Amino acid sequence: QLQLVESGGGLVQPGGSLRLFCVVTGFSLDDHVIAWFRQGPGEEREGVSCISPDGGRVNYGDAVKTRFTVSRDNAKNMVYLQMNRLKPEDTGRYYCAAGRDVYITCPIADFAMDYWGEGTPVTVSP
């Protein structure tokens, strides 16, 4: 089966940090972009980041620019999302998704994604 499994979520105080993990099985990362999305309580799904197969192109949503960093290790079938200076509005369920590398801009968009994980919850609260 083609799967993505997120982990690393939890409870953190404002200003703290978390590192999320996305493990991919069933297909190669070499020809797939990986994007992160999140959805807060009562909110629409929001794009967080996208990273190209070789890591050379990365994009971030406006709300997380300068605070989040995405990276990948294709040999380990692993993608990371480092989240720093967390704010209460960062609370939500975080999903990783994989898409075929056909959009050269690496868009953080649902239509470009083919596979989705179940998500991992992140709560930022004092």
N, C-alpha and C. Protein backbone atom coordinates (compact mmCIF):
# COMPACT_ATOMS: atom_id res chain seq x y z
N GLN A 1 0.83 -1.19 0.00
CA GLN A 1 0.00 0.00 0.00
C GLN A 1 0.87 1.25 0.00
N LEU A 2 0.39 2.28 -0.63
CA LEU A 2 1.09 3.57 -0.66
C LEU A 2 0.62 4.38 0.54
N GLN A 3 1.56 4.70 1.43
CA GLN A 3 1.20 5.34 2.68
C GLN A 3 2.15 6.46 3.05
N LEU A 4 1.61 7.45 3.75
CA LEU A 4 2.38 8.47 4.43
C LEU A 4 1.89 8.49 5.87
N VAL A 5 2.82 8.48 6.82
CA VAL A 5 2.48 8.45 8.23
C VAL A 5 3.20 9.58 8.94
N GLU A 6 2.43 10.48 9.55
CA GLU A 6 2.99 11.61 10.28
C GLU A 6 3.18 11.24 11.75
N SER A 7 4.15 11.90 12.38
CA SER A 7 4.37 11.76 13.81
C SER A 7 5.07 13.00 14.32
N GLY A 8 5.19 13.10 15.64
CA GLY A 8 5.91 14.20 16.25
C GLY A 8 5.04 15.30 16.82
N GLY A 9 3.74 15.24 16.61
CA GLY A 9 2.86 16.25 17.15
C GLY A 9 2.72 16.14 18.65
N GLY A 10 2.16 17.18 19.25
CA GLY A 10 1.97 17.18 20.69
C GLY A 10 1.56 18.54 21.19
N LEU A 11 1.70 18.73 22.49
CA LEU A 11 1.36 19.97 23.17
C LEU A 11 2.63 20.76 23.44
N VAL A 12 2.62 22.04 23.10
CA VAL A 12 3.78 22.90 23.30
C VAL A 12 3.30 24.30 23.68
N GLN A 13 4.10 25.00 24.47
CA GLN A 13 3.77 26.36 24.86
C GLN A 13 4.10 27.35 23.75
N PRO A 14 3.41 28.48 23.71
CA PRO A 14 3.76 29.51 22.73
C PRO A 14 5.24 29.87 22.80
N GLY A 15 5.84 30.02 21.63
CA GLY A 15 7.26 30.30 21.54
C GLY A 15 8.13 29.06 21.47
N GLY A 16 7.56 27.90 21.71
CA GLY A 16 8.30 26.66 21.67
C GLY A 16 8.45 26.10 20.28
N SER A 17 9.03 24.89 20.20
CA SER A 17 9.32 24.26 18.92
C SER A 17 8.85 22.81 18.92
N LEU A 18 8.53 22.32 17.74
CA LEU A 18 8.23 20.92 17.49
C LEU A 18 8.81 20.53 16.15
N ARG A 19 9.16 19.25 16.02
CA ARG A 19 9.60 18.72 14.75
C ARG A 19 8.68 17.58 14.34
N LEU A 20 8.06 17.72 13.19
CA LEU A 20 7.17 16.71 12.66
C LEU A 20 7.90 15.82 11.66
N PHE A 21 7.46 14.57 11.57
CA PHE A 21 8.06 13.59 10.68
C PHE A 21 6.99 13.02 9.76
N CYS A 22 7.38 12.74 8.54
CA CYS A 22 6.50 12.07 7.58
C CYS A 22 7.28 10.93 6.96
N VAL A 23 6.86 9.70 7.23
CA VAL A 23 7.50 8.50 6.69
C VAL A 23 6.67 7.99 5.52
N VAL A 24 7.32 7.75 4.40
CA VAL A 24 6.65 7.33 3.18
C VAL A 24 7.00 5.89 2.87
N THR A 25 5.99 5.08 2.57
CA THR A 25 6.20 3.69 2.15
C THR A 25 5.38 3.40 0.91
N GLY A 26 5.85 2.45 0.12
CA GLY A 26 5.10 2.00 -1.04
C GLY A 26 5.43 2.70 -2.35
N PHE A 27 6.18 3.78 -2.30
CA PHE A 27 6.61 4.46 -3.51
C PHE A 27 7.88 5.25 -3.22
N SER A 28 8.56 5.64 -4.26
CA SER A 28 9.81 6.37 -4.12
C SER A 28 9.56 7.86 -3.99
N LEU A 29 10.35 8.50 -3.14
CA LEU A 29 10.29 9.95 -3.00
C LEU A 29 11.03 10.68 -4.11
N ASP A 30 11.80 9.97 -4.90
CA ASP A 30 12.67 10.60 -5.88
C ASP A 30 11.91 11.38 -6.95
N ASP A 31 10.68 11.02 -7.21
CA ASP A 31 9.89 11.72 -8.22
C ASP A 31 8.60 12.30 -7.66
N HIS A 32 8.59 12.61 -6.38
CA HIS A 32 7.42 13.19 -5.74
C HIS A 32 7.78 14.43 -4.93
N VAL A 33 6.94 15.43 -5.03
CA VAL A 33 7.02 16.54 -4.10
C VAL A 33 6.27 16.15 -2.83
N ILE A 34 6.65 16.76 -1.71
CA ILE A 34 5.95 16.54 -0.45
C ILE A 34 5.47 17.89 0.06
N ALA A 35 4.21 17.95 0.40
CA ALA A 35 3.62 19.16 0.95
C ALA A 35 3.07 18.89 2.34
N TRP A 36 3.07 19.92 3.16
CA TRP A 36 2.44 19.88 4.47
C TRP A 36 1.22 20.80 4.46
N PHE A 37 0.15 20.32 5.06
CA PHE A 37 -1.06 21.09 5.25
C PHE A 37 -1.47 21.03 6.71
N ARG A 38 -2.34 21.92 7.11
CA ARG A 38 -2.88 21.88 8.46
C ARG A 38 -4.33 22.34 8.45
N GLN A 39 -5.05 21.93 9.48
CA GLN A 39 -6.44 22.33 9.61
C GLN A 39 -6.74 22.56 11.09
N GLY A 40 -7.03 23.79 11.45
CA GLY A 40 -7.39 24.12 12.81
C GLY A 40 -8.87 23.85 13.07
N PRO A 41 -9.27 23.88 14.34
CA PRO A 41 -10.68 23.65 14.68
C PRO A 41 -11.59 24.67 14.00
N GLY A 42 -12.58 24.18 13.26
CA GLY A 42 -13.52 25.05 12.59
C GLY A 42 -12.94 25.85 11.43
N GLU A 43 -11.78 25.47 10.93
CA GLU A 43 -11.13 26.21 9.86
C GLU A 43 -10.96 25.35 8.61
N GLU A 44 -10.73 26.03 7.49
CA GLU A 44 -10.42 25.36 6.24
C GLU A 44 -8.99 24.80 6.28
N ARG A 45 -8.75 23.79 5.47
CA ARG A 45 -7.41 23.28 5.34
C ARG A 45 -6.50 24.35 4.74
N GLU A 46 -5.30 24.48 5.29
CA GLU A 46 -4.37 25.53 4.90
C GLU A 46 -3.05 24.92 4.48
N GLY A 47 -2.49 25.42 3.40
CA GLY A 47 -1.19 24.96 2.95
C GLY A 47 -0.07 25.50 3.82
N VAL A 48 0.89 24.65 4.15
CA VAL A 48 2.00 25.02 5.02
C VAL A 48 3.31 25.11 4.24
N SER A 49 3.64 24.07 3.48
CA SER A 49 4.91 24.06 2.76
C SER A 49 4.89 23.03 1.65
N CYS A 50 5.85 23.17 0.74
CA CYS A 50 6.07 22.18 -0.31
C CYS A 50 7.56 22.09 -0.56
N ILE A 51 8.05 20.89 -0.82
CA ILE A 51 9.46 20.68 -1.10
C ILE A 51 9.60 19.77 -2.31
N SER A 52 10.48 20.13 -3.22
CA SER A 52 10.69 19.39 -4.45
C SER A 52 11.43 18.08 -4.17
N PRO A 53 11.46 17.15 -5.14
CA PRO A 53 12.11 15.85 -4.90
C PRO A 53 13.55 15.94 -4.43
N ASP A 54 14.31 16.89 -4.96
CA ASP A 54 15.71 17.02 -4.57
C ASP A 54 15.93 18.05 -3.46
N GLY A 55 14.87 18.63 -2.95
CA GLY A 55 14.98 19.62 -1.90
C GLY A 55 15.42 20.99 -2.37
N GLY A 56 15.60 21.16 -3.66
CA GLY A 56 16.10 22.42 -4.18
C GLY A 56 15.10 23.55 -4.21
N ARG A 57 13.83 23.22 -4.21
CA ARG A 57 12.79 24.23 -4.21
C ARG A 57 11.88 24.01 -3.01
N VAL A 58 11.68 25.05 -2.22
CA VAL A 58 10.78 25.00 -1.08
C VAL A 58 9.87 26.22 -1.10
N ASN A 59 8.64 26.02 -0.70
CA ASN A 59 7.67 27.10 -0.59
C ASN A 59 6.97 27.00 0.75
N TYR A 60 6.53 28.16 1.27
CA TYR A 60 5.85 28.21 2.55
C TYR A 60 4.62 29.09 2.45
N GLY A 61 3.62 28.74 3.24
CA GLY A 61 2.48 29.61 3.38
C GLY A 61 2.86 30.87 4.13
N ASP A 62 2.13 31.95 3.87
CA ASP A 62 2.47 33.24 4.47
C ASP A 62 2.48 33.19 5.99
N ALA A 63 1.60 32.41 6.58
CA ALA A 63 1.47 32.39 8.03
C ALA A 63 2.65 31.75 8.74
N VAL A 64 3.46 30.97 8.03
CA VAL A 64 4.55 30.23 8.67
C VAL A 64 5.92 30.63 8.16
N LYS A 65 5.99 31.52 7.21
CA LYS A 65 7.28 31.96 6.68
C LYS A 65 8.16 32.51 7.79
N THR A 66 9.43 32.19 7.74
CA THR A 66 10.48 32.56 8.69
C THR A 66 10.44 31.75 9.98
N ARG A 67 9.38 30.96 10.20
CA ARG A 67 9.28 30.18 11.43
C ARG A 67 9.38 28.67 11.20
N PHE A 68 8.91 28.19 10.05
CA PHE A 68 8.93 26.75 9.75
C PHE A 68 9.97 26.45 8.69
N THR A 69 10.56 25.25 8.75
CA THR A 69 11.53 24.81 7.77
C THR A 69 11.24 23.36 7.39
N VAL A 70 11.11 23.10 6.10
CA VAL A 70 10.86 21.75 5.61
C VAL A 70 12.15 21.19 5.01
N SER A 71 12.39 19.90 5.20
CA SER A 71 13.55 19.24 4.64
C SER A 71 13.20 17.78 4.37
N ARG A 72 14.08 17.08 3.64
CA ARG A 72 13.79 15.69 3.32
C ARG A 72 15.06 14.87 3.20
N ASP A 73 14.93 13.57 3.43
CA ASP A 73 16.00 12.61 3.25
C ASP A 73 15.40 11.45 2.48
N ASN A 74 15.56 11.46 1.17
CA ASN A 74 14.91 10.47 0.33
C ASN A 74 15.40 9.05 0.62
N ALA A 75 16.66 8.90 0.98
CA ALA A 75 17.20 7.58 1.28
C ALA A 75 16.51 6.94 2.46
N LYS A 76 16.00 7.75 3.38
CA LYS A 76 15.28 7.26 4.55
C LYS A 76 13.77 7.32 4.37
N ASN A 77 13.31 7.72 3.19
CA ASN A 77 11.88 7.90 2.94
C ASN A 77 11.25 8.80 3.99
N MET A 78 11.94 9.90 4.29
CA MET A 78 11.54 10.75 5.40
C MET A 78 11.49 12.21 4.99
N VAL A 79 10.48 12.91 5.46
CA VAL A 79 10.35 14.35 5.30
C VAL A 79 10.12 14.96 6.67
N TYR A 80 10.70 16.14 6.92
CA TYR A 80 10.64 16.78 8.22
C TYR A 80 10.02 18.16 8.10
N LEU A 81 9.37 18.58 9.16
CA LEU A 81 8.88 19.94 9.28
C LEU A 81 9.29 20.46 10.65
N GLN A 82 10.27 21.35 10.66
CA GLN A 82 10.71 21.98 11.89
C GLN A 82 9.88 23.23 12.12
N MET A 83 9.23 23.31 13.26
CA MET A 83 8.35 24.42 13.59
C MET A 83 8.91 25.15 14.81
N ASN A 84 9.24 26.42 14.63
CA ASN A 84 9.81 27.24 15.69
C ASN A 84 8.92 28.43 15.99
N ARG A 85 9.12 29.00 17.17
CA ARG A 85 8.35 30.18 17.59
C ARG A 85 6.86 29.98 17.37
N LEU A 86 6.37 28.88 17.88
CA LEU A 86 4.99 28.50 17.66
C LEU A 86 4.02 29.46 18.34
N LYS A 87 2.89 29.66 17.69
CA LYS A 87 1.84 30.54 18.16
C LYS A 87 0.56 29.75 18.38
N PRO A 88 -0.34 30.24 19.22
CA PRO A 88 -1.61 29.53 19.41
C PRO A 88 -2.36 29.28 18.10
N GLU A 89 -2.27 30.19 17.14
CA GLU A 89 -2.95 30.01 15.87
C GLU A 89 -2.33 28.92 15.00
N ASP A 90 -1.19 28.36 15.41
CA ASP A 90 -0.61 27.22 14.71
C ASP A 90 -1.27 25.91 15.11
N THR A 91 -2.15 25.94 16.09
CA THR A 91 -2.84 24.74 16.54
C THR A 91 -3.67 24.13 15.42
N GLY A 92 -3.59 22.81 15.29
CA GLY A 92 -4.37 22.11 14.29
C GLY A 92 -3.80 20.74 14.01
N ARG A 93 -4.44 20.05 13.09
CA ARG A 93 -3.95 18.75 12.67
C ARG A 93 -3.09 18.95 11.42
N TYR A 94 -1.89 18.41 11.45
CA TYR A 94 -0.93 18.59 10.37
C TYR A 94 -0.84 17.32 9.53
N TYR A 95 -0.94 17.49 8.22
CA TYR A 95 -0.93 16.40 7.27
C TYR A 95 0.24 16.55 6.31
N CYS A 96 0.87 15.45 5.96
CA CYS A 96 1.79 15.47 4.84
C CYS A 96 1.13 14.78 3.65
N ALA A 97 1.51 15.22 2.47
CA ALA A 97 0.92 14.71 1.24
C ALA A 97 1.99 14.65 0.17
N ALA A 98 1.84 13.70 -0.75
CA ALA A 98 2.79 13.50 -1.84
C ALA A 98 2.10 13.69 -3.18
N GLY A 99 2.80 14.32 -4.11
CA GLY A 99 2.29 14.52 -5.44
C GLY A 99 3.36 14.25 -6.49
N ARG A 100 2.93 13.79 -7.65
CA ARG A 100 3.87 13.59 -8.75
C ARG A 100 4.52 14.91 -9.13
N ASP A 101 5.78 14.85 -9.49
CA ASP A 101 6.56 16.05 -9.76
C ASP A 101 6.27 16.56 -11.17
N VAL A 102 5.09 17.15 -11.33
CA VAL A 102 4.68 17.67 -12.64
C VAL A 102 4.47 19.17 -12.62
N TYR A 103 4.42 19.77 -11.43
CA TYR A 103 4.27 21.22 -11.30
C TYR A 103 5.60 21.78 -10.81
N ILE A 104 6.31 22.47 -11.67
CA ILE A 104 7.67 22.87 -11.36
C ILE A 104 7.76 23.92 -10.26
N THR A 105 6.65 24.57 -9.94
CA THR A 105 6.65 25.58 -8.89
C THR A 105 6.46 24.98 -7.50
N CYS A 106 6.20 23.68 -7.40
CA CYS A 106 5.91 23.02 -6.13
C CYS A 106 4.78 23.72 -5.38
N PRO A 107 3.58 23.72 -5.94
CA PRO A 107 2.48 24.43 -5.30
C PRO A 107 1.99 23.73 -4.03
N ILE A 108 1.60 24.54 -3.06
CA ILE A 108 1.01 24.00 -1.83
C ILE A 108 -0.50 23.98 -2.06
N ALA A 109 -0.95 23.00 -2.81
CA ALA A 109 -2.33 22.95 -3.27
C ALA A 109 -2.85 21.53 -3.28
N ASP A 110 -4.11 21.36 -2.88
CA ASP A 110 -4.72 20.03 -2.82
C ASP A 110 -4.70 19.33 -4.17
N PHE A 111 -4.95 20.07 -5.25
CA PHE A 111 -5.08 19.43 -6.56
C PHE A 111 -3.81 18.77 -7.03
N ALA A 112 -2.67 19.20 -6.49
CA ALA A 112 -1.39 18.65 -6.91
C ALA A 112 -0.98 17.40 -6.13
N MET A 113 -1.76 17.02 -5.14
CA MET A 113 -1.39 15.92 -4.26
C MET A 113 -2.15 14.64 -4.60
N ASP A 114 -1.45 13.51 -4.55
CA ASP A 114 -2.03 12.21 -4.88
C ASP A 114 -2.22 11.31 -3.66
N TYR A 115 -1.40 11.47 -2.64
CA TYR A 115 -1.46 10.63 -1.46
C TYR A 115 -1.43 11.49 -0.21
N TRP A 116 -2.19 11.07 0.81
CA TRP A 116 -2.31 11.83 2.05
C TRP A 116 -2.12 10.93 3.26
N GLY A 117 -1.51 11.49 4.30
CA GLY A 117 -1.43 10.81 5.58
C GLY A 117 -2.65 11.11 6.42
N GLU A 118 -2.72 10.49 7.60
CA GLU A 118 -3.85 10.67 8.51
C GLU A 118 -3.71 11.91 9.38
N GLY A 119 -2.51 12.46 9.48
CA GLY A 119 -2.29 13.67 10.24
C GLY A 119 -1.79 13.40 11.64
N THR A 120 -1.19 14.43 12.24
CA THR A 120 -0.75 14.40 13.62
C THR A 120 -1.15 15.71 14.28
N PRO A 121 -1.70 15.67 15.48
CA PRO A 121 -2.22 16.90 16.11
C PRO A 121 -1.12 17.73 16.77
N VAL A 122 -1.26 19.03 16.62
CA VAL A 122 -0.37 20.00 17.27
C VAL A 122 -1.23 20.99 18.03
N THR A 123 -0.93 21.16 19.31
CA THR A 123 -1.64 22.12 20.14
C THR A 123 -0.64 23.07 20.76
N VAL A 124 -0.84 24.36 20.53
CA VAL A 124 0.01 25.40 21.09
C VAL A 124 -0.82 26.18 22.10
N SER A 125 -0.50 26.02 23.37
CA SER A 125 -1.31 26.62 24.42
C SER A 125 -0.46 26.87 25.66
N PRO A 126 -0.71 27.99 26.36
CA PRO A 126 0.05 28.26 27.58
C PRO A 126 -0.35 27.31 28.70
